[in-house]
N, C-alpha and C. Protein backbone atom coordinates (compact mmCIF):
# COMPACT_ATOMS: atom_id res chain seq x y z
N MET A 1 29.01 70.11 249.03
CA MET A 1 28.81 69.63 247.97
C MET A 1 29.24 70.75 246.72
N PHE A 2 29.63 70.14 245.67
CA PHE A 2 30.25 70.80 244.49
C PHE A 2 29.14 70.66 243.26
N PHE A 3 28.79 71.99 242.83
CA PHE A 3 27.81 72.02 241.84
C PHE A 3 28.54 72.33 240.41
N THR A 4 28.49 71.59 239.35
CA THR A 4 28.98 72.04 238.07
C THR A 4 27.84 72.63 237.23
N PHE A 5 28.26 73.90 236.95
CA PHE A 5 27.34 74.67 236.12
C PHE A 5 27.20 74.22 234.77
N ARG A 6 26.00 74.49 234.24
CA ARG A 6 25.69 74.11 232.69
C ARG A 6 26.87 75.01 231.98
N GLY A 7 27.10 74.35 230.65
CA GLY A 7 28.16 74.97 229.90
C GLY A 7 29.64 74.48 230.02
N HIS A 8 29.73 73.55 231.18
CA HIS A 8 30.97 73.02 231.43
C HIS A 8 30.83 71.56 231.15
N GLY A 9 30.20 71.22 230.04
CA GLY A 9 30.03 69.61 229.82
C GLY A 9 28.68 69.12 230.51
N ARG A 10 28.05 70.16 230.96
CA ARG A 10 26.62 69.48 231.57
C ARG A 10 25.40 69.82 230.92
N SER A 11 25.52 70.40 229.65
CA SER A 11 24.19 70.86 228.99
C SER A 11 24.58 70.72 227.63
N SER A 12 23.74 71.19 226.95
CA SER A 12 23.88 71.19 225.38
C SER A 12 24.96 72.08 224.82
N GLY A 13 25.21 72.95 225.52
CA GLY A 13 26.44 73.76 224.98
C GLY A 13 25.84 75.11 224.49
N ALA A 14 24.69 75.07 224.36
CA ALA A 14 24.01 76.39 223.42
C ALA A 14 24.58 77.71 224.25
N PRO A 15 24.63 78.87 223.45
CA PRO A 15 25.16 79.94 224.00
C PRO A 15 24.36 80.58 225.07
N SER A 16 22.95 80.28 225.23
CA SER A 16 22.09 80.75 226.38
C SER A 16 22.67 80.10 227.61
N GLY A 17 23.32 78.95 227.58
CA GLY A 17 23.67 78.42 228.65
C GLY A 17 24.77 78.83 229.16
N TRP A 18 25.15 79.90 228.68
CA TRP A 18 26.49 80.45 229.42
C TRP A 18 25.90 81.98 230.10
N SER A 19 24.92 82.21 229.94
CA SER A 19 24.11 83.57 230.52
C SER A 19 24.30 83.58 232.10
N TYR A 20 24.92 84.47 232.56
CA TYR A 20 25.00 84.64 233.95
C TYR A 20 23.80 84.79 234.64
N VAL A 21 22.90 85.26 233.99
CA VAL A 21 21.48 85.22 234.51
C VAL A 21 21.02 83.78 234.87
N ASP A 22 21.22 83.22 233.78
CA ASP A 22 20.84 81.45 233.96
C ASP A 22 21.54 81.02 234.93
N LEU A 23 22.76 81.28 235.12
CA LEU A 23 23.68 80.66 236.12
C LEU A 23 23.36 81.03 237.50
N ALA A 24 23.16 82.11 237.66
CA ALA A 24 22.68 82.64 239.04
C ALA A 24 21.38 82.03 239.59
N ALA A 25 20.62 81.79 238.57
CA ALA A 25 19.19 81.03 238.89
C ALA A 25 19.48 79.58 239.20
N ASP A 26 20.32 79.05 238.54
CA ASP A 26 20.72 77.81 238.84
C ASP A 26 21.33 77.55 240.19
N LEU A 27 22.41 78.55 240.54
CA LEU A 27 22.87 78.61 241.75
C LEU A 27 22.02 78.67 242.81
N ALA A 28 20.93 79.65 242.72
CA ALA A 28 19.97 80.05 243.65
C ALA A 28 19.21 78.71 243.98
N ALA A 29 18.84 78.03 243.02
CA ALA A 29 17.85 76.88 243.16
C ALA A 29 18.75 75.82 243.98
N VAL A 30 19.95 75.43 243.45
CA VAL A 30 20.64 74.59 244.17
C VAL A 30 20.81 74.90 245.67
N ALA A 31 21.25 76.28 245.90
CA ALA A 31 21.47 76.53 247.32
C ALA A 31 20.19 76.71 248.08
N ASP A 32 18.90 76.93 247.60
CA ASP A 32 17.84 76.89 248.27
C ASP A 32 17.61 75.29 248.63
N ALA A 33 17.64 74.45 247.68
CA ALA A 33 17.38 72.94 247.84
C ALA A 33 18.15 72.41 249.12
N TYR A 34 19.45 72.78 249.20
CA TYR A 34 20.40 72.29 250.17
C TYR A 34 20.50 73.10 251.37
N ASP A 35 19.86 74.33 251.44
CA ASP A 35 19.78 75.25 252.42
C ASP A 35 21.27 75.67 252.52
N ALA A 36 22.14 76.04 251.57
CA ALA A 36 23.35 76.37 251.74
C ALA A 36 23.53 77.73 252.34
N ARG A 37 24.47 77.81 253.13
CA ARG A 37 24.75 79.21 253.94
C ARG A 37 26.14 79.85 253.69
N ARG A 38 26.96 78.90 252.92
CA ARG A 38 28.35 79.28 252.67
C ARG A 38 28.47 78.98 251.18
N ALA A 39 29.17 79.89 250.44
CA ALA A 39 29.36 79.49 248.95
C ALA A 39 30.75 79.92 248.50
N LEU A 40 31.21 79.20 247.61
CA LEU A 40 32.51 79.30 246.98
C LEU A 40 32.19 79.25 245.41
N GLY A 41 32.64 80.25 244.53
CA GLY A 41 32.51 80.42 243.20
C GLY A 41 33.85 80.34 242.56
N VAL A 42 33.94 79.45 241.42
CA VAL A 42 35.27 79.30 240.89
C VAL A 42 35.10 79.96 239.44
N SER A 43 36.03 80.88 239.06
CA SER A 43 35.88 81.43 237.53
C SER A 43 34.46 81.89 237.32
N MET A 44 33.67 81.11 236.27
CA MET A 44 32.35 81.60 235.97
C MET A 44 31.48 81.49 237.01
N GLY A 45 31.92 80.58 237.86
CA GLY A 45 30.99 80.21 239.15
C GLY A 45 31.11 81.64 239.94
N ALA A 46 32.23 82.21 240.22
CA ALA A 46 32.40 83.31 240.98
C ALA A 46 31.63 84.60 240.36
N GLY A 47 31.32 84.61 238.98
CA GLY A 47 30.47 85.60 238.47
C GLY A 47 28.93 85.31 238.77
N ALA A 48 28.79 84.06 238.60
CA ALA A 48 27.40 83.88 239.02
C ALA A 48 27.02 83.96 240.38
N LEU A 49 28.05 83.85 241.23
CA LEU A 49 27.72 83.96 242.79
C LEU A 49 27.52 85.47 242.88
N CYS A 50 28.31 86.53 242.14
CA CYS A 50 28.23 87.84 242.30
C CYS A 50 26.77 88.34 241.74
N ARG A 51 26.37 87.62 240.65
CA ARG A 51 25.10 88.00 240.07
C ARG A 51 23.89 87.61 241.06
N LEU A 52 24.12 86.66 241.63
CA LEU A 52 23.15 86.25 242.76
C LEU A 52 23.17 87.10 243.87
N LEU A 53 24.21 87.58 244.34
CA LEU A 53 24.36 88.48 245.35
C LEU A 53 23.99 89.87 245.26
N ALA A 54 24.08 90.29 244.08
CA ALA A 54 23.59 91.61 243.69
C ALA A 54 21.93 91.48 243.84
N ALA A 55 21.47 90.54 243.81
CA ALA A 55 20.00 90.63 243.93
C ALA A 55 19.61 90.19 245.25
N GLN A 56 20.48 89.32 246.03
CA GLN A 56 20.19 88.69 247.37
C GLN A 56 21.38 89.08 248.06
N PRO A 57 21.85 90.21 248.48
CA PRO A 57 23.17 90.38 249.08
C PRO A 57 23.25 89.60 250.53
N ASP A 58 22.15 89.53 251.22
CA ASP A 58 22.27 88.75 252.52
C ASP A 58 22.13 87.16 252.35
N ARG A 59 22.34 86.61 251.07
CA ARG A 59 21.87 85.12 250.80
C ARG A 59 22.96 84.27 251.51
N PHE A 60 24.14 84.49 251.77
CA PHE A 60 25.07 83.53 252.28
C PHE A 60 25.63 84.19 253.60
N GLU A 61 26.37 83.41 254.43
CA GLU A 61 27.03 83.84 255.49
C GLU A 61 28.40 83.99 255.44
N ARG A 62 28.84 83.33 254.38
CA ARG A 62 30.37 83.38 254.06
C ARG A 62 30.76 82.90 252.70
N LEU A 63 31.59 83.84 252.11
CA LEU A 63 31.76 83.65 250.57
C LEU A 63 33.12 83.52 250.27
N VAL A 64 33.45 82.66 249.29
CA VAL A 64 34.72 82.68 248.70
C VAL A 64 34.75 82.87 247.05
N PHE A 65 35.47 83.69 246.66
CA PHE A 65 35.50 83.99 245.11
C PHE A 65 36.91 83.48 244.76
N PHE A 66 37.00 82.44 243.94
CA PHE A 66 38.35 81.75 243.49
C PHE A 66 38.51 82.04 241.92
N LEU A 67 39.48 82.92 241.66
CA LEU A 67 39.81 83.31 240.50
C LEU A 67 38.51 83.96 239.42
N PRO A 68 38.13 84.95 240.00
CA PRO A 68 37.07 85.57 239.28
C PRO A 68 37.41 86.26 238.15
N ALA A 69 36.86 86.03 236.96
CA ALA A 69 37.03 86.37 235.66
C ALA A 69 36.53 87.77 235.21
N VAL A 70 35.25 88.02 235.72
CA VAL A 70 34.68 89.25 235.07
C VAL A 70 33.56 89.83 235.98
N LEU A 71 33.55 91.09 235.93
CA LEU A 71 32.43 91.78 236.54
C LEU A 71 31.56 92.45 235.70
N ASP A 72 31.58 93.88 235.65
CA ASP A 72 30.83 94.61 234.71
C ASP A 72 31.51 95.27 233.65
N THR A 73 32.72 94.94 233.47
CA THR A 73 33.47 95.39 232.35
C THR A 73 33.99 94.40 231.50
N PRO A 74 34.38 94.53 230.06
CA PRO A 74 34.73 93.48 229.05
C PRO A 74 35.76 92.83 229.59
N ARG A 75 36.05 91.53 229.20
CA ARG A 75 37.34 90.90 229.37
C ARG A 75 38.48 91.34 228.63
N PRO A 76 39.63 91.45 228.90
CA PRO A 76 40.65 91.94 228.32
C PRO A 76 40.93 90.99 226.96
N ALA A 77 41.72 91.57 226.28
CA ALA A 77 42.21 90.95 224.69
C ALA A 77 42.72 89.54 225.14
N ALA A 78 43.65 89.36 226.04
CA ALA A 78 44.20 88.03 226.16
C ALA A 78 43.07 86.68 226.53
N ALA A 79 42.23 87.26 227.35
CA ALA A 79 41.20 86.27 227.73
C ALA A 79 40.44 86.10 226.51
N ARG A 80 39.93 87.09 225.82
CA ARG A 80 39.25 86.92 224.56
C ARG A 80 39.83 86.09 223.55
N GLY A 81 41.18 86.13 223.34
CA GLY A 81 42.01 85.56 222.55
C GLY A 81 42.03 83.96 222.77
N HIS A 82 41.82 83.74 224.05
CA HIS A 82 42.13 82.27 224.48
C HIS A 82 40.78 81.59 224.06
N LEU A 83 39.66 82.31 224.39
CA LEU A 83 38.46 81.70 224.43
C LEU A 83 38.08 81.38 222.82
N ALA A 84 38.55 82.33 221.89
CA ALA A 84 38.37 82.23 220.41
C ALA A 84 39.24 81.24 220.00
N ALA A 85 40.40 80.91 220.66
CA ALA A 85 41.33 79.83 220.01
C ALA A 85 40.54 78.61 220.49
N LEU A 86 39.96 78.37 221.66
CA LEU A 86 39.17 77.23 222.21
C LEU A 86 38.17 76.92 221.18
N ALA A 87 37.46 77.96 220.94
CA ALA A 87 36.28 77.82 219.92
C ALA A 87 36.80 77.36 218.59
N ALA A 88 37.71 77.87 218.17
CA ALA A 88 38.20 77.40 216.74
C ALA A 88 38.88 76.13 216.73
N ALA A 89 39.37 75.58 217.88
CA ALA A 89 39.87 74.27 217.90
C ALA A 89 38.64 73.25 218.16
N VAL A 90 37.68 73.63 218.74
CA VAL A 90 36.62 72.63 218.91
C VAL A 90 36.05 72.60 217.54
N GLU A 91 35.70 73.78 216.89
CA GLU A 91 35.02 73.68 215.51
C GLU A 91 35.93 72.98 214.54
N SER A 92 37.19 72.92 214.73
CA SER A 92 38.14 72.24 213.75
C SER A 92 37.75 70.68 213.82
N GLY A 93 37.41 70.23 215.01
CA GLY A 93 37.35 68.68 214.98
C GLY A 93 38.60 68.06 215.11
N ALA A 94 39.66 68.75 215.04
CA ALA A 94 41.02 68.13 215.24
C ALA A 94 41.32 67.80 216.60
N PRO A 95 41.42 66.68 217.12
CA PRO A 95 41.92 66.62 218.51
C PRO A 95 43.31 67.26 218.86
N GLY A 96 44.11 67.06 217.79
CA GLY A 96 45.64 67.66 218.08
C GLY A 96 45.49 69.19 218.38
N ALA A 97 44.51 69.94 217.42
CA ALA A 97 44.65 71.34 217.72
C ALA A 97 43.86 71.70 219.06
N LEU A 98 42.94 71.16 219.49
CA LEU A 98 42.34 71.23 220.89
C LEU A 98 43.20 71.06 221.88
N ALA A 99 43.99 69.92 221.74
CA ALA A 99 45.00 69.60 222.82
C ALA A 99 46.00 70.42 222.98
N GLN A 100 46.33 71.29 221.88
CA GLN A 100 47.58 72.24 222.01
C GLN A 100 46.92 73.47 222.73
N VAL A 101 45.67 73.94 222.23
CA VAL A 101 45.24 75.10 223.12
C VAL A 101 45.19 74.90 224.69
N VAL A 102 44.58 73.72 225.05
CA VAL A 102 44.31 73.27 226.33
C VAL A 102 45.62 73.17 226.97
N ALA A 103 46.41 72.49 226.33
CA ALA A 103 47.77 72.23 227.04
C ALA A 103 48.46 73.66 227.29
N ALA A 104 48.16 74.80 226.84
CA ALA A 104 48.82 75.96 227.25
C ALA A 104 48.14 76.51 228.37
N GLU A 105 47.12 75.92 228.91
CA GLU A 105 46.62 76.17 230.35
C GLU A 105 47.54 75.63 231.32
N VAL A 106 48.30 74.71 230.93
CA VAL A 106 49.10 74.06 232.13
C VAL A 106 50.29 74.84 232.52
N PRO A 107 50.89 75.13 233.58
CA PRO A 107 52.08 75.73 233.93
C PRO A 107 53.20 75.14 233.19
N ARG A 108 54.06 75.82 232.68
CA ARG A 108 55.26 75.24 232.03
C ARG A 108 56.18 74.09 232.65
N SER A 109 56.15 74.39 234.16
CA SER A 109 56.96 73.48 234.78
C SER A 109 56.13 72.07 234.87
N TYR A 110 55.09 71.91 234.59
CA TYR A 110 54.39 70.79 234.50
C TYR A 110 54.12 69.98 233.03
N ALA A 111 54.27 70.90 232.29
CA ALA A 111 54.32 70.37 230.78
C ALA A 111 54.82 69.06 230.59
N GLY A 112 54.14 68.16 229.77
CA GLY A 112 54.51 66.88 229.50
C GLY A 112 54.47 65.89 230.67
N SER A 113 53.75 66.31 231.87
CA SER A 113 53.70 65.31 232.82
C SER A 113 52.58 64.60 232.87
N ALA A 114 52.41 63.41 233.67
CA ALA A 114 51.27 62.59 233.57
C ALA A 114 50.06 63.33 233.98
N ALA A 115 50.31 64.25 234.98
CA ALA A 115 49.16 65.07 235.43
C ALA A 115 48.72 65.99 234.22
N ALA A 116 49.54 66.61 233.55
CA ALA A 116 49.24 67.46 232.66
C ALA A 116 48.60 66.75 231.52
N ASP A 117 48.85 65.49 231.20
CA ASP A 117 48.23 64.81 230.14
C ASP A 117 46.81 64.48 230.50
N GLY A 118 46.88 64.12 231.71
CA GLY A 118 45.59 63.55 232.34
C GLY A 118 44.35 64.93 232.29
N TYR A 119 45.01 66.17 232.70
CA TYR A 119 44.23 67.26 232.61
C TYR A 119 43.54 67.55 231.33
N VAL A 120 44.74 67.53 230.31
CA VAL A 120 44.25 67.69 228.79
C VAL A 120 43.08 66.87 228.29
N LYS A 121 43.28 65.64 228.74
CA LYS A 121 42.31 64.66 228.19
C LYS A 121 40.93 65.01 228.88
N GLN A 122 41.04 65.24 230.19
CA GLN A 122 39.63 65.49 230.93
C GLN A 122 39.01 66.92 230.47
N ARG A 123 39.86 67.91 230.20
CA ARG A 123 39.42 69.20 229.71
C ARG A 123 38.62 68.96 228.36
N MET A 124 39.29 68.44 227.50
CA MET A 124 38.86 68.03 226.15
C MET A 124 37.53 67.09 226.17
N ALA A 125 37.36 66.32 227.04
CA ALA A 125 36.13 65.55 227.18
C ALA A 125 35.03 66.48 227.56
N ALA A 126 35.32 67.37 228.56
CA ALA A 126 34.25 68.28 229.02
C ALA A 126 33.87 69.29 227.76
N LEU A 127 34.95 69.74 227.12
CA LEU A 127 34.70 70.65 226.06
C LEU A 127 33.81 70.04 224.95
N HIS A 128 34.01 68.79 224.86
CA HIS A 128 33.00 67.93 223.89
C HIS A 128 31.73 67.39 224.72
N GLY A 129 31.53 68.01 225.64
CA GLY A 129 30.10 67.67 226.34
C GLY A 129 30.24 66.25 226.93
N LEU A 130 31.30 65.93 227.47
CA LEU A 130 31.62 64.65 228.10
C LEU A 130 31.07 63.42 227.22
N GLY A 131 31.38 63.70 225.89
CA GLY A 131 31.03 62.56 224.87
C GLY A 131 29.71 62.85 224.39
N ALA A 132 28.93 63.80 224.57
CA ALA A 132 27.67 64.22 224.09
C ALA A 132 27.75 64.59 222.49
N GLY A 133 28.71 64.89 221.97
CA GLY A 133 28.75 65.04 220.66
C GLY A 133 28.27 66.31 220.44
N THR A 134 28.51 67.39 221.07
CA THR A 134 28.06 68.77 220.84
C THR A 134 28.97 69.96 220.62
N PRO A 135 30.23 69.55 219.75
CA PRO A 135 31.10 70.55 219.59
C PRO A 135 30.87 72.00 219.20
N ALA A 136 29.69 71.91 217.99
CA ALA A 136 29.11 73.12 217.51
C ALA A 136 28.73 74.02 218.55
N GLY A 137 27.68 73.36 219.30
CA GLY A 137 27.16 74.15 220.37
C GLY A 137 28.09 74.82 221.44
N ILE A 138 28.92 73.89 221.79
CA ILE A 138 29.99 74.42 222.74
C ILE A 138 30.82 75.62 222.08
N ALA A 139 31.17 75.34 220.95
CA ALA A 139 32.00 76.51 220.08
C ALA A 139 31.37 77.80 220.25
N GLY A 140 30.06 77.71 220.01
CA GLY A 140 29.14 78.84 219.80
C GLY A 140 29.02 79.37 221.32
N ALA A 141 28.95 78.62 222.35
CA ALA A 141 28.94 79.29 223.63
C ALA A 141 30.28 79.89 223.99
N LEU A 142 31.56 79.18 223.55
CA LEU A 142 32.65 80.02 223.80
C LEU A 142 32.83 81.17 223.03
N ARG A 143 32.27 81.38 221.79
CA ARG A 143 32.23 82.34 221.19
C ARG A 143 31.46 83.62 221.77
N ALA A 144 30.37 83.11 222.48
CA ALA A 144 29.39 84.25 223.13
C ALA A 144 29.99 84.81 224.36
N LEU A 145 30.77 83.87 225.08
CA LEU A 145 31.08 84.25 226.53
C LEU A 145 32.02 85.37 226.67
N PRO A 146 32.92 85.95 225.77
CA PRO A 146 33.64 86.92 225.96
C PRO A 146 32.67 88.24 226.05
N ASP A 147 31.57 88.40 225.45
CA ASP A 147 30.69 89.29 225.57
C ASP A 147 29.89 89.56 226.59
N GLN A 148 29.65 88.56 227.46
CA GLN A 148 28.80 88.41 228.46
C GLN A 148 29.48 88.94 229.74
N LEU A 149 28.62 89.80 230.60
CA LEU A 149 29.12 90.41 231.80
C LEU A 149 28.58 89.82 233.12
N ALA A 150 29.13 89.65 234.07
CA ALA A 150 28.43 88.97 235.47
C ALA A 150 27.49 89.80 235.89
N LEU A 151 27.85 91.05 235.72
CA LEU A 151 26.96 92.14 236.47
C LEU A 151 26.60 93.35 235.48
N ASP A 152 25.43 93.88 235.68
CA ASP A 152 25.18 95.14 235.00
C ASP A 152 26.04 96.49 235.74
N ASP A 153 25.87 96.36 237.07
CA ASP A 153 26.80 97.36 237.84
C ASP A 153 27.24 96.65 238.98
N ALA A 154 28.52 96.60 239.35
CA ALA A 154 29.08 95.97 240.22
C ALA A 154 28.97 96.70 241.69
N SER A 155 28.68 97.94 241.59
CA SER A 155 28.60 98.58 242.62
C SER A 155 27.47 97.98 243.70
N ALA A 156 26.57 97.18 243.24
CA ALA A 156 25.43 96.51 243.78
C ALA A 156 26.09 95.60 245.13
N LEU A 157 27.42 95.20 244.84
CA LEU A 157 28.01 94.35 245.61
C LEU A 157 28.29 94.97 247.02
N ARG A 158 28.37 96.32 247.11
CA ARG A 158 28.80 96.98 248.46
C ARG A 158 27.77 96.71 249.32
N ALA A 159 26.58 96.27 248.95
CA ALA A 159 25.36 95.90 249.89
C ALA A 159 25.59 94.42 250.62
N VAL A 160 26.66 93.74 250.12
CA VAL A 160 27.05 92.40 250.77
C VAL A 160 27.94 92.44 251.83
N THR A 161 27.33 92.15 253.15
CA THR A 161 28.25 92.44 254.29
C THR A 161 28.81 90.95 254.91
N ALA A 162 28.57 90.01 254.10
CA ALA A 162 29.12 88.73 254.71
C ALA A 162 30.67 88.78 254.70
N PRO A 163 31.37 88.08 255.59
CA PRO A 163 32.74 87.88 255.32
C PRO A 163 33.08 86.98 254.04
N ALA A 164 34.10 87.71 253.28
CA ALA A 164 34.35 87.23 251.84
C ALA A 164 35.78 87.00 251.88
N LEU A 165 36.18 85.95 251.06
CA LEU A 165 37.70 85.73 250.88
C LEU A 165 37.79 85.69 249.16
N VAL A 166 38.63 86.63 248.68
CA VAL A 166 38.83 86.63 247.10
C VAL A 166 40.41 86.24 246.96
N VAL A 167 40.39 85.09 246.13
CA VAL A 167 41.64 84.50 245.78
C VAL A 167 41.97 84.52 244.50
N THR A 168 43.13 84.80 243.95
CA THR A 168 43.60 85.04 242.55
C THR A 168 45.03 84.92 242.57
N SER A 169 45.79 85.11 241.29
CA SER A 169 47.02 85.08 241.30
C SER A 169 47.62 85.96 240.14
N LYS A 170 48.77 86.30 240.18
CA LYS A 170 49.50 87.11 239.37
C LYS A 170 49.59 86.28 237.89
N ASP A 171 49.46 87.38 236.87
CA ASP A 171 50.01 86.81 235.43
C ASP A 171 48.85 85.63 234.99
N ASP A 172 47.75 85.82 235.36
CA ASP A 172 46.86 84.88 234.77
C ASP A 172 45.86 85.49 233.76
N PRO A 173 46.15 85.32 232.48
CA PRO A 173 45.29 86.33 231.57
C PRO A 173 43.76 85.86 231.55
N GLN A 174 43.38 84.78 232.15
CA GLN A 174 41.99 84.51 231.97
C GLN A 174 41.14 84.85 233.01
N HIS A 175 42.10 85.22 234.32
CA HIS A 175 41.62 85.72 235.41
C HIS A 175 42.31 87.03 236.04
N PRO A 176 42.12 88.16 235.41
CA PRO A 176 43.11 89.07 235.85
C PRO A 176 43.04 89.65 237.27
N VAL A 177 44.11 89.81 237.84
CA VAL A 177 44.18 90.18 239.22
C VAL A 177 43.33 91.47 239.39
N GLU A 178 43.31 92.30 238.58
CA GLU A 178 42.64 93.63 238.54
C GLU A 178 41.31 93.30 238.92
N VAL A 179 40.49 92.35 238.37
CA VAL A 179 39.05 92.01 238.68
C VAL A 179 38.97 91.53 240.20
N ALA A 180 39.88 90.81 240.75
CA ALA A 180 39.86 90.33 241.98
C ALA A 180 39.99 91.37 242.98
N GLU A 181 40.93 92.43 242.53
CA GLU A 181 41.29 93.55 243.57
C GLU A 181 40.02 94.51 243.61
N ARG A 182 39.35 94.51 242.44
CA ARG A 182 38.19 95.44 242.39
C ARG A 182 36.93 94.86 243.15
N LEU A 183 36.89 93.32 242.96
CA LEU A 183 35.87 92.93 243.84
C LEU A 183 35.99 93.00 245.31
N ALA A 184 37.33 92.60 245.51
CA ALA A 184 37.60 92.82 247.23
C ALA A 184 37.37 94.19 247.75
N ASP A 185 37.51 95.30 246.63
CA ASP A 185 37.47 96.49 247.10
C ASP A 185 35.94 96.86 247.26
N LEU A 186 35.08 96.18 246.38
CA LEU A 186 33.67 96.44 246.53
C LEU A 186 32.83 95.80 247.61
N LEU A 187 33.26 94.63 247.97
CA LEU A 187 32.75 93.96 249.32
C LEU A 187 33.21 94.50 250.36
N PRO A 188 32.41 95.02 251.22
CA PRO A 188 32.66 95.63 252.46
C PRO A 188 33.72 94.94 253.51
N ASN A 189 33.33 93.55 253.39
CA ASN A 189 34.03 92.82 254.58
C ASN A 189 35.07 91.59 253.85
N ALA A 190 35.74 92.03 252.97
CA ALA A 190 36.63 91.05 252.22
C ALA A 190 38.15 91.10 252.32
N THR A 191 38.66 89.91 252.32
CA THR A 191 40.02 89.76 252.26
C THR A 191 40.49 89.20 250.93
N LEU A 192 41.51 89.86 250.54
CA LEU A 192 42.15 89.49 249.21
C LEU A 192 43.66 88.78 249.37
N HIS A 193 43.69 87.66 248.70
CA HIS A 193 44.91 87.02 248.71
C HIS A 193 45.36 86.64 247.30
N VAL A 194 46.55 87.01 246.83
CA VAL A 194 47.15 87.10 245.66
C VAL A 194 48.32 86.07 245.47
N TYR A 195 48.24 85.06 244.86
CA TYR A 195 49.37 84.19 244.74
C TYR A 195 50.36 84.81 243.77
N ASP A 196 51.65 84.45 243.71
CA ASP A 196 52.70 85.09 243.21
C ASP A 196 52.72 84.60 241.57
N GLU A 197 52.27 83.45 241.43
CA GLU A 197 52.08 82.83 239.88
C GLU A 197 50.89 82.20 239.74
N PRO A 198 50.56 82.20 238.47
CA PRO A 198 49.57 81.48 238.10
C PRO A 198 49.38 80.07 238.16
N GLY A 199 48.29 79.27 237.88
CA GLY A 199 48.10 77.71 237.96
C GLY A 199 48.14 77.57 239.44
N ILE A 200 47.25 78.18 240.06
CA ILE A 200 47.33 77.71 241.74
C ILE A 200 46.94 76.33 242.03
N LEU A 201 46.02 75.69 241.48
CA LEU A 201 45.66 74.27 241.36
C LEU A 201 46.82 73.31 241.18
N TRP A 202 47.87 73.72 240.41
CA TRP A 202 49.00 73.16 240.02
C TRP A 202 50.17 73.34 241.29
N THR A 203 50.45 74.60 241.52
CA THR A 203 51.52 75.06 242.29
C THR A 203 51.42 75.16 243.71
N ALA A 204 49.86 75.53 244.13
CA ALA A 204 49.94 75.68 245.54
C ALA A 204 48.49 75.32 246.16
N ARG A 205 48.46 74.01 245.81
CA ARG A 205 47.22 73.31 246.14
C ARG A 205 46.82 72.98 247.49
N ALA A 206 47.99 72.66 248.25
CA ALA A 206 47.99 72.44 249.67
C ALA A 206 47.64 73.66 250.42
N ASP A 207 48.20 74.73 249.97
CA ASP A 207 47.95 76.00 250.67
C ASP A 207 46.70 76.51 250.45
N LEU A 208 46.24 76.49 249.27
CA LEU A 208 45.00 76.93 248.85
C LEU A 208 43.91 76.03 249.68
N ARG A 209 43.93 74.80 249.81
CA ARG A 209 43.11 73.84 250.43
C ARG A 209 42.84 74.34 252.08
N LYS A 210 43.91 74.57 252.46
CA LYS A 210 44.05 75.02 253.90
C LYS A 210 43.49 76.39 254.21
N ARG A 211 43.73 77.36 253.20
CA ARG A 211 43.30 78.64 253.38
C ARG A 211 41.91 78.64 253.35
N LEU A 212 41.29 78.10 252.04
CA LEU A 212 39.79 77.90 252.07
C LEU A 212 39.05 77.30 253.29
N ALA A 213 39.70 75.95 253.54
CA ALA A 213 38.95 75.41 254.86
C ALA A 213 38.92 76.24 255.95
N THR A 214 40.05 76.97 256.30
CA THR A 214 40.19 77.77 257.52
C THR A 214 39.15 78.91 257.50
N PHE A 215 39.11 79.44 256.32
CA PHE A 215 38.15 80.51 256.29
C PHE A 215 36.46 80.19 256.31
N LEU A 216 36.39 79.01 255.43
CA LEU A 216 34.78 78.58 255.51
C LEU A 216 34.41 77.94 256.83
N ASN A 217 35.44 77.41 257.44
CA ASN A 217 35.00 76.79 258.91
C ASN A 217 35.10 77.72 259.95
N SER A 218 35.51 78.82 259.80
CA SER A 218 35.76 79.80 260.86
C SER A 218 34.35 80.03 261.52
């Protein structure tokens, strides 16, 4: 099953909804309810998974961290700038401004394509709470996010012995390769895979799907 965290169009969008403490608690509740033994975390979800593992290092049997964004050190300027631009665009209430910021997330080779247009529309809907009409709350959450860390001390992850796969790409300012490299170094039984270009879900979807399925089903 796939679990969509609060703060991605599933809650009021209040800044507290972006807390990694809250997200880790949500993750634990869902994992316990479904007796999940393997876990995959994407971006913020990877941070929430790290937070849970710091407290329960033996919670899962296999782990995947896809595009981890932050551990226990602040996000770089490029990531903070993008989140600030998203917040400003949401606050402006101008669909064109928001579309422009979101469109920048699409690889240049896909710009203007039907797939890119669909992504922009879907992302804009999520940022507006899937029609819930909470742009102010979401903007506040986006502004609060850059100052939040997934962990107090990432060294706690050294106690996690389950096999782990860490996947990232070069040149993705929102998900710095250095974060993934450090995470893989901290986890005692981790494998790191770095794609050569960003936009993995656009440019390497088939390879990524096979790689994750092979690892999780081993």
